Amino acid sequence: MDKDDQNDIVFKSPESLQQVVNVINEAAFALNDKDRTIEKKYNL
């Protein structure tokens, strides 16, 4: 994706953006939790 194309990303509704919000929230939580591992999160 070109830098110019980044401004063309449009979400059709707030619901379509929710997955992005979920990923960002999960990443923020994980950054602040030093004991968190992939194994604990996904029971691997």
Protein backbone atom coordinates (compact mmCIF):
# COMPACT_ATOMS: atom_id res chain seq x y z
CA MET A 1 0.00 0.00 0.00
CA ASP A 2 1.43 3.35 -1.00
CA LYS A 3 1.58 6.15 1.52
CA ASP A 4 -0.97 8.04 -0.59
CA ASP A 5 -3.37 5.07 -0.49
CA GLN A 6 -3.46 5.00 3.33
CA ASN A 7 -5.86 7.93 3.36
CA ASP A 8 -8.29 5.95 1.19
CA ILE A 9 -9.15 3.37 3.89
CA VAL A 10 -12.79 3.90 4.78
CA PHE A 11 -14.84 1.91 7.24
CA LYS A 12 -18.48 1.66 6.25
CA SER A 13 -19.80 1.63 9.83
CA PRO A 14 -18.55 1.75 13.42
CA GLU A 15 -19.16 -2.00 13.63
CA SER A 16 -16.72 -2.67 10.80
CA LEU A 17 -14.04 -0.83 12.75
CA GLN A 18 -14.62 -2.87 15.93
CA GLN A 19 -12.10 -5.60 15.06
CA VAL A 20 -9.38 -2.98 14.71
CA VAL A 21 -10.35 -1.48 18.07
CA ASN A 22 -10.25 -4.95 19.66
CA VAL A 23 -6.73 -5.63 18.38
CA ILE A 24 -5.44 -2.25 19.58
CA ASN A 25 -7.02 -2.72 23.00
CA GLU A 26 -5.59 -6.23 23.33
CA ALA A 27 -2.13 -5.02 22.34
CA ALA A 28 -2.26 -2.16 24.85
CA PHE A 29 -3.30 -4.55 27.61
CA ALA A 30 -0.54 -7.01 26.70
CA LEU A 31 2.13 -4.32 26.72
CA ASN A 32 1.25 -3.49 30.32
CA ASP A 33 1.10 -7.12 31.51
CA LYS A 34 4.61 -8.56 31.76
CA ASP A 35 3.28 -11.98 32.80
CA ARG A 36 1.01 -12.33 29.79
CA THR A 37 1.99 -14.95 27.22
CA ILE A 38 0.42 -16.34 24.07
CA GLU A 39 0.03 -19.68 25.83
CA LYS A 40 -2.02 -18.10 28.66
CA LYS A 41 -4.20 -16.08 26.33
CA TYR A 42 -5.05 -18.88 23.92
CA ASN A 43 -4.61 -21.90 26.23
CA LEU A 44 -1.95 -23.43 23.99
